[in-house]
Amino acid sequence: MIFNSRRSTVYSTKAIVSATQPLAVQCGIEALRLGGNAADAAVAVAAGLNVTEPSSTGIGGDLFCLYFDAKTQKVHSLNATGRSAQSITLDAVKSSVGGALHIPFDNALAVNVPGAAAGWVDLHQLFGNKALSLQQILQPAIDLAKNGFPVSEISAKRWQDKEELLKKHLPGTLEFLPHGRAPNEGELVTLPGLAKTFELLAQHGKKGFYSGEIAKAIVECVQDKGGLLTLEDLANHENIVGESISAPFRDLIVHEHGPNGQGIVALMVLQILELLEKQGAIPKLDSIKHNSADYIHIIVEALKLAFADAQWYVTDPGKYNVPTKGLLSQEYLTERSHLIDMKRVLKEYSHGQPPSSGNTV
């Protein structure tokens, strides 16, 4: 889908809400108008996008949030990603996917516990305005789902792209296939089932989603398609709350989520690039033409090394001791940076051995 557009810069004296869908933006503005803060507005916008652009984000997915507290000057990390089924095994995966190296996206074994619902609750409770209820924050999205909304151009296109997938895995449903098909641009759509899901979460908190009728419906659907999620898996879900991981880059401190998130890759790449500059192995990046062959070569080579480490070491920190400090240490990244050569491409490369990593997983 190709289109050209330009809009002028938007200014505000108080706050700005930004999203891909104006109706979702209005949900965030309403949260701010009621006295909510950025955390509350983020939840309201996410719910609004779930309704108006269900192919973009949703309560059935996951959530990462970095939240800067102006009072304490700390960056907090909220990792609301769900784990796979407790009963899943390598043999079960191999039996399902055959010779494939990865679980296909439309395979029920790829479905983890949804973390977003718990993320919305925690985001509001930990960082939001307690004078506001979750019901108030979610109400604009609930109203959109109940009363209907006109489907936008981009959302209609993406919805239609997934029509056959929806028909295959949710036969007979009218919730996301009104009239038995994906909606057209400008068509008015209601999502009563999604509205009810939001209402149960607003009324009962996490229990409204991770137990009761919503949890049963999720488990029945997943197991019917060959997945292994159970009610116990949903009931046991917990988010990871803590401080972000960070690393210096020139005059900045860059913050990211720790494992199991992939943010550590960005921190490793930035430090490798800065080390290469300091060593004189590459010119200053600012002096290299953006997207030139040299520029892309340097970035790609650094990404290769960082992703090789992430793929090997980054996993659930509740199950394995991920060597985060070792991966971000100057000693280790200096060693890795020496593998990059401006005159050749790394064709064979693997993970390294960061300090104190012990045995790998």
Protein backbone atom coordinates (compact mmCIF):
# COMPACT_ATOMS: atom_id res chain seq x y z
CA MET A 1 0.00 0.00 0.00
CA ILE A 2 1.70 3.21 -1.17
CA PHE A 3 0.54 6.74 -0.49
CA ASN A 4 2.19 10.12 -0.06
CA SER A 5 1.16 12.46 2.70
CA ARG A 6 2.47 15.24 4.88
CA ARG A 7 1.08 16.94 7.93
CA SER A 8 2.39 19.95 9.76
CA THR A 9 4.09 19.60 13.15
CA VAL A 10 1.61 19.40 16.02
CA TYR A 11 2.24 21.59 19.08
CA SER A 12 0.62 21.60 22.52
CA THR A 13 1.06 23.52 25.76
CA LYS A 14 0.00 20.59 27.97
CA ALA A 15 0.29 17.15 26.42
CA ILE A 16 0.23 15.27 23.14
CA VAL A 17 -1.24 11.86 22.34
CA SER A 18 0.10 10.15 19.24
CA ALA A 19 -1.17 7.01 17.52
CA THR A 20 -1.96 5.74 14.04
CA GLN A 21 -5.73 6.08 14.50
CA PRO A 22 -7.50 9.35 15.43
CA LEU A 23 -10.29 7.55 17.30
CA ALA A 24 -7.69 5.81 19.49
CA VAL A 25 -5.98 9.16 20.07
CA GLN A 26 -9.29 10.52 21.36
CA CYS A 27 -9.37 7.69 23.93
CA GLY A 28 -6.02 8.86 25.27
CA ILE A 29 -7.09 12.51 25.30
CA GLU A 30 -10.17 11.56 27.32
CA ALA A 31 -7.98 9.80 29.90
CA LEU A 32 -5.87 12.96 30.24
CA ARG A 33 -8.99 15.16 30.46
CA LEU A 34 -10.21 13.07 33.41
CA GLY A 35 -6.93 13.68 35.23
CA GLY A 36 -4.93 10.69 34.06
CA ASN A 37 -1.24 10.82 33.27
CA ALA A 38 0.88 9.39 30.46
CA ALA A 39 0.53 5.82 31.80
CA ASP A 40 -3.25 6.07 31.89
CA ALA A 41 -3.38 7.60 28.41
CA ALA A 42 -1.16 4.82 27.06
CA VAL A 43 -3.59 2.17 28.34
CA ALA A 44 -6.55 4.06 26.89
CA VAL A 45 -4.85 4.39 23.50
CA ALA A 46 -3.83 0.72 23.44
CA ALA A 47 -7.44 -0.30 24.10
CA GLY A 48 -8.68 2.14 21.46
CA LEU A 49 -6.24 0.74 18.91
CA ASN A 50 -7.31 -2.80 19.81
CA VAL A 51 -10.82 -1.83 18.73
CA THR A 52 -10.09 0.28 15.66
CA GLU A 53 -6.93 -1.47 14.40
CA PRO A 54 -7.16 -5.04 15.74
CA SER A 55 -4.41 -6.16 13.38
CA SER A 56 -1.95 -3.72 15.02
CA THR A 57 -2.18 -4.40 18.73
CA GLY A 58 -4.45 -6.11 21.19
CA ILE A 59 -5.27 -7.45 24.60
CA GLY A 60 -4.34 -10.94 23.37
CA GLY A 61 -0.72 -9.91 22.81
CA ASP A 62 2.15 -8.70 24.97
CA LEU A 63 3.31 -5.37 26.36
CA PHE A 64 6.62 -3.65 27.07
CA CYS A 65 6.76 -0.29 28.81
CA LEU A 66 9.63 1.98 29.84
CA TYR A 67 8.30 4.58 32.26
CA PHE A 68 10.34 7.61 33.37
CA ASP A 69 9.38 8.91 36.80
CA ALA A 70 10.17 12.62 36.87
CA LYS A 71 10.18 12.70 40.69
CA THR A 72 12.70 9.91 41.22
CA GLN A 73 14.51 10.40 37.88
CA LYS A 74 14.40 6.62 37.36
CA VAL A 75 13.37 4.64 34.31
CA HIS A 76 11.16 1.71 35.27
CA SER A 77 10.60 -1.38 33.16
CA LEU A 78 7.31 -3.24 32.87
CA ASN A 79 7.63 -6.50 30.96
CA ALA A 80 4.18 -7.97 30.35
CA THR A 81 5.12 -10.83 28.07
CA GLY A 82 3.47 -14.19 28.57
CA ARG A 83 5.26 -17.51 28.87
CA SER A 84 4.63 -20.60 26.77
CA ALA A 85 2.57 -23.49 28.12
CA GLN A 86 4.20 -25.27 31.06
CA SER A 87 3.64 -28.65 29.41
CA ILE A 88 5.29 -27.78 26.09
CA THR A 89 8.27 -29.93 25.13
CA LEU A 90 10.76 -29.97 22.28
CA ASP A 91 9.36 -33.31 21.14
CA ALA A 92 5.84 -31.88 20.99
CA VAL A 93 7.04 -28.95 18.90
CA LYS A 94 9.01 -31.16 16.51
CA SER A 95 6.04 -33.46 16.10
CA SER A 96 3.81 -30.52 15.20
CA VAL A 97 6.09 -28.55 12.87
CA GLY A 98 7.92 -31.43 11.19
CA GLY A 99 11.24 -30.32 9.76
CA ALA A 100 10.60 -26.59 10.20
CA LEU A 101 13.23 -24.65 12.14
CA HIS A 102 10.64 -22.38 13.75
CA ILE A 103 7.06 -22.68 14.95
CA PRO A 104 4.83 -21.13 12.23
CA PHE A 105 2.87 -18.05 13.33
CA ASP A 106 -0.45 -19.75 12.64
CA ASN A 107 0.43 -22.85 14.68
CA ALA A 108 -1.35 -23.00 18.05
CA LEU A 109 1.92 -23.98 19.77
CA ALA A 110 3.14 -20.45 19.01
CA VAL A 111 0.44 -19.02 21.30
CA ASN A 112 1.81 -17.91 24.66
CA VAL A 113 -0.12 -16.59 27.65
CA PRO A 114 -1.33 -13.09 26.70
CA GLY A 115 0.47 -10.53 28.86
CA ALA A 116 -1.12 -7.29 27.66
CA ALA A 117 -4.23 -7.47 29.86
CA ALA A 118 -2.14 -7.79 33.03
CA GLY A 119 0.16 -5.10 31.61
CA TRP A 120 -2.69 -2.61 31.31
CA VAL A 121 -3.72 -3.28 34.91
CA ASP A 122 -0.19 -2.99 36.28
CA LEU A 123 0.66 0.07 34.20
CA HIS A 124 -2.29 1.94 35.69
CA GLN A 125 -1.78 0.66 39.25
CA LEU A 126 1.99 1.21 39.35
CA PHE A 127 2.37 4.47 37.45
CA GLY A 128 -1.11 5.90 36.77
CA ASN A 129 -3.35 8.25 38.70
CA LYS A 130 -5.01 6.13 41.41
CA ALA A 131 -7.91 8.60 41.58
CA LEU A 132 -8.97 7.23 38.19
CA SER A 133 -10.46 3.76 37.83
CA LEU A 134 -9.53 1.29 35.11
CA GLN A 135 -13.19 1.43 34.10
CA GLN A 136 -12.87 5.16 33.34
CA ILE A 137 -9.71 4.60 31.34
CA LEU A 138 -11.16 1.78 29.24
CA GLN A 139 -14.65 3.27 28.81
CA PRO A 140 -13.91 5.24 25.59
CA ALA A 141 -12.66 2.06 23.91
CA ILE A 142 -15.62 0.11 25.28
CA ASP A 143 -18.00 2.70 23.80
CA LEU A 144 -16.26 2.46 20.41
CA ALA A 145 -16.58 -1.33 20.41
CA LYS A 146 -20.22 -1.27 21.53
CA ASN A 147 -21.55 1.60 19.44
CA GLY A 148 -19.46 1.00 16.35
CA PHE A 149 -16.71 2.82 14.48
CA PRO A 150 -15.91 3.44 10.80
CA VAL A 151 -13.01 1.29 9.64
CA SER A 152 -10.07 3.32 8.32
CA GLU A 153 -8.35 2.71 4.98
CA ILE A 154 -5.18 1.08 6.31
CA SER A 155 -7.01 -1.00 8.90
CA ALA A 156 -9.45 -2.29 6.27
CA LYS A 157 -6.56 -3.37 4.04
CA ARG A 158 -4.75 -5.21 6.85
CA TRP A 159 -8.01 -6.76 8.05
CA GLN A 160 -8.70 -8.07 4.54
CA ASP A 161 -5.17 -9.44 4.27
CA LYS A 162 -5.93 -11.71 7.26
CA GLU A 163 -9.45 -12.68 6.18
CA GLU A 164 -8.57 -16.21 5.10
CA LEU A 165 -6.53 -16.77 8.27
CA LEU A 166 -9.51 -15.70 10.41
CA LYS A 167 -11.88 -17.95 8.46
CA LYS A 168 -9.50 -20.88 8.88
CA HIS A 169 -8.97 -20.55 12.61
CA LEU A 170 -12.24 -18.93 13.75
CA PRO A 171 -14.90 -20.47 11.50
CA GLY A 172 -18.41 -19.17 12.05
CA THR A 173 -17.36 -16.17 14.14
CA LEU A 174 -19.01 -12.83 13.47
CA GLU A 175 -16.87 -10.82 15.90
CA PHE A 176 -13.98 -10.05 13.53
CA LEU A 177 -15.72 -11.18 10.34
CA PRO A 178 -19.00 -9.27 10.31
CA HIS A 179 -21.25 -10.52 7.50
CA GLY A 180 -18.77 -13.39 7.08
CA ARG A 181 -15.98 -11.22 5.65
CA ALA A 182 -13.46 -8.57 6.59
CA PRO A 183 -14.96 -5.05 6.63
CA ASN A 184 -14.45 -2.49 3.89
CA GLU A 185 -13.06 1.02 4.32
CA GLY A 186 -15.62 3.30 5.94
CA GLU A 187 -17.89 0.44 7.01
CA LEU A 188 -19.37 0.71 10.52
CA VAL A 189 -18.26 -2.19 12.72
CA THR A 190 -19.19 -3.18 16.27
CA LEU A 191 -17.17 -5.59 18.43
CA PRO A 192 -19.47 -6.55 21.34
CA GLY A 193 -17.31 -9.48 22.43
CA LEU A 194 -14.25 -7.26 22.74
CA ALA A 195 -16.30 -4.68 24.64
CA LYS A 196 -17.37 -7.37 27.12
CA THR A 197 -13.74 -8.49 27.53
CA PHE A 198 -12.69 -4.93 28.37
CA GLU A 199 -15.59 -4.59 30.82
CA LEU A 200 -14.66 -7.77 32.69
CA LEU A 201 -11.04 -6.58 32.95
CA ALA A 202 -12.18 -3.15 34.17
CA GLN A 203 -14.54 -4.64 36.77
CA HIS A 204 -12.46 -7.51 38.11
CA GLY A 205 -8.87 -6.62 37.24
CA LYS A 206 -6.58 -9.45 36.17
CA LYS A 207 -9.00 -12.11 37.39
CA GLY A 208 -11.52 -10.88 34.85
CA PHE A 209 -9.19 -12.01 32.07
CA TYR A 210 -6.97 -14.77 33.50
CA SER A 211 -9.78 -16.77 35.10
CA GLY A 212 -13.47 -17.21 34.44
CA GLU A 213 -15.19 -17.20 31.06
CA ILE A 214 -12.50 -15.27 29.15
CA ALA A 215 -9.74 -17.64 30.25
CA LYS A 216 -11.90 -20.68 29.47
CA ALA A 217 -12.66 -19.36 25.99
CA ILE A 218 -8.94 -18.77 25.29
CA VAL A 219 -7.93 -22.23 26.47
CA GLU A 220 -10.73 -23.98 24.56
CA CYS A 221 -9.85 -22.17 21.33
CA VAL A 222 -6.10 -22.82 21.62
CA GLN A 223 -6.45 -26.47 22.62
CA ASP A 224 -8.98 -27.07 19.85
CA LYS A 225 -6.25 -26.04 17.39
CA GLY A 226 -3.60 -28.27 18.95
CA GLY A 227 -2.11 -25.83 21.46
CA LEU A 228 -1.16 -26.69 25.02
CA LEU A 229 -2.22 -23.64 27.07
CA THR A 230 -4.18 -24.47 30.24
CA LEU A 231 -6.21 -22.50 32.75
CA GLU A 232 -3.31 -22.95 35.18
CA ASP A 233 -0.94 -21.31 32.68
CA LEU A 234 -3.16 -18.23 32.54
CA ALA A 235 -3.74 -18.12 36.30
CA ASN A 236 0.01 -18.27 36.99
CA HIS A 237 0.91 -15.32 34.74
CA GLU A 238 2.98 -12.57 36.39
CA ASN A 239 4.61 -9.52 34.86
CA ILE A 240 8.24 -8.58 35.45
CA VAL A 241 8.57 -5.14 37.05
CA GLY A 242 11.90 -3.47 37.77
CA GLU A 243 14.39 -0.92 36.53
CA SER A 244 15.51 -0.74 32.93
CA ILE A 245 18.92 -1.83 31.68
CA SER A 246 21.05 0.96 30.26
CA ALA A 247 24.34 1.77 28.60
CA PRO A 248 26.20 4.98 27.70
CA PHE A 249 26.41 6.17 24.12
CA ARG A 250 28.39 9.39 23.64
CA ASP A 251 26.72 11.96 25.91
CA LEU A 252 23.56 9.94 26.43
CA ILE A 253 22.33 7.10 28.61
CA VAL A 254 20.18 4.75 26.53
CA HIS A 255 17.56 2.66 28.34
CA GLU A 256 16.04 -0.62 27.23
CA HIS A 257 14.19 -3.64 28.63
CA GLY A 258 16.24 -6.46 30.03
CA PRO A 259 15.87 -10.06 28.86
CA ASN A 260 13.62 -11.71 27.80
CA GLY A 261 13.28 -8.56 25.69
CA GLN A 262 15.60 -7.94 22.75
CA GLY A 263 16.50 -4.40 23.83
CA ILE A 264 19.96 -5.50 24.90
CA VAL A 265 20.79 -5.87 21.17
CA ALA A 266 20.42 -2.12 20.63
CA LEU A 267 22.65 -1.35 23.63
CA MET A 268 25.34 -3.76 22.43
CA VAL A 269 25.31 -2.36 18.89
CA LEU A 270 25.59 1.26 20.06
CA GLN A 271 28.56 0.45 22.27
CA ILE A 272 30.28 -1.60 19.57
CA LEU A 273 29.94 1.34 17.15
CA GLU A 274 31.36 3.76 19.70
CA LEU A 275 34.26 1.41 20.47
CA LEU A 276 35.06 1.09 16.75
CA GLU A 277 35.17 4.87 16.50
CA LYS A 278 37.47 5.18 19.52
CA GLN A 279 39.78 2.50 18.14
CA GLY A 280 39.99 4.33 14.82
CA ALA A 281 38.69 1.20 13.06
CA ILE A 282 35.89 3.23 11.45
CA PRO A 283 35.43 6.94 10.79
CA LYS A 284 32.99 8.88 12.93
CA LEU A 285 29.53 7.69 11.95
CA ASP A 286 28.38 11.27 11.48
CA SER A 287 30.94 11.67 8.73
CA ILE A 288 29.73 8.62 6.75
CA LYS A 289 26.94 9.20 4.26
CA HIS A 290 23.71 7.79 5.65
CA ASN A 291 22.70 4.48 4.02
CA SER A 292 25.90 4.38 1.95
CA ALA A 293 27.60 1.00 1.47
CA ASP A 294 30.09 1.71 4.28
CA TYR A 295 27.37 2.92 6.65
CA ILE A 296 25.15 -0.12 6.10
CA HIS A 297 28.16 -2.48 6.31
CA ILE A 298 29.13 -1.20 9.76
CA ILE A 299 25.60 -1.32 11.17
CA VAL A 300 24.82 -4.78 9.76
CA GLU A 301 28.09 -6.30 11.01
CA ALA A 302 27.46 -4.99 14.51
CA LEU A 303 23.89 -6.27 14.42
CA LYS A 304 25.05 -9.72 13.35
CA LEU A 305 27.23 -10.07 16.43
CA ALA A 306 24.65 -8.65 18.85
CA PHE A 307 21.83 -10.82 17.53
CA ALA A 308 24.03 -13.92 17.60
CA ASP A 309 24.56 -13.33 21.32
CA ALA A 310 20.90 -12.49 21.95
CA GLN A 311 19.65 -15.59 20.17
CA TRP A 312 21.94 -17.74 22.32
CA TYR A 313 21.68 -16.08 25.73
CA VAL A 314 18.43 -14.09 25.93
CA THR A 315 15.66 -16.16 27.49
CA ASP A 316 13.29 -16.13 30.47
CA PRO A 317 15.32 -14.66 33.37
CA GLY A 318 13.05 -16.54 35.76
CA LYS A 319 14.37 -19.83 34.38
CA TYR A 320 18.00 -19.04 33.50
CA ASN A 321 20.63 -16.59 34.68
CA VAL A 322 21.07 -14.42 31.58
CA PRO A 323 24.56 -12.78 31.63
CA THR A 324 23.26 -9.26 31.02
CA LYS A 325 26.16 -7.45 32.71
CA GLY A 326 28.70 -9.59 30.90
CA LEU A 327 27.11 -8.96 27.52
CA LEU A 328 27.22 -5.20 28.13
CA SER A 329 30.73 -5.08 29.61
CA GLN A 330 33.31 -2.96 27.81
CA GLU A 331 35.83 -5.82 27.96
CA TYR A 332 33.50 -8.21 26.15
CA LEU A 333 32.21 -5.71 23.57
CA THR A 334 35.76 -4.61 22.76
CA GLU A 335 36.58 -8.24 22.03
CA ARG A 336 33.52 -8.54 19.79
CA SER A 337 34.25 -5.27 17.99
CA HIS A 338 37.61 -6.64 16.81
CA LEU A 339 35.69 -9.10 14.59
CA ILE A 340 34.42 -6.27 12.38
CA ASP A 341 36.46 -5.39 9.31
CA MET A 342 35.59 -2.61 6.87
CA LYS A 343 36.95 -4.66 3.97
CA ARG A 344 35.18 -7.95 4.53
CA VAL A 345 31.81 -9.40 5.49
CA LEU A 346 31.36 -11.73 8.44
CA LYS A 347 30.10 -14.89 6.75
CA GLU A 348 30.62 -17.18 9.70
CA TYR A 349 29.96 -15.88 13.18
CA SER A 350 28.49 -17.21 16.39
CA HIS A 351 27.81 -16.12 19.96
CA GLY A 352 30.70 -15.13 22.18
CA GLN A 353 31.57 -15.97 25.79
CA PRO A 354 30.83 -12.96 27.99
CA PRO A 355 32.45 -12.85 31.44
CA SER A 356 30.70 -14.81 34.20
CA SER A 357 28.37 -16.43 31.69
CA GLY A 358 29.12 -19.97 32.82
CA ASN A 359 27.45 -22.68 30.80
CA THR A 360 25.08 -21.53 28.07
CA VAL A 361 21.43 -22.47 27.94
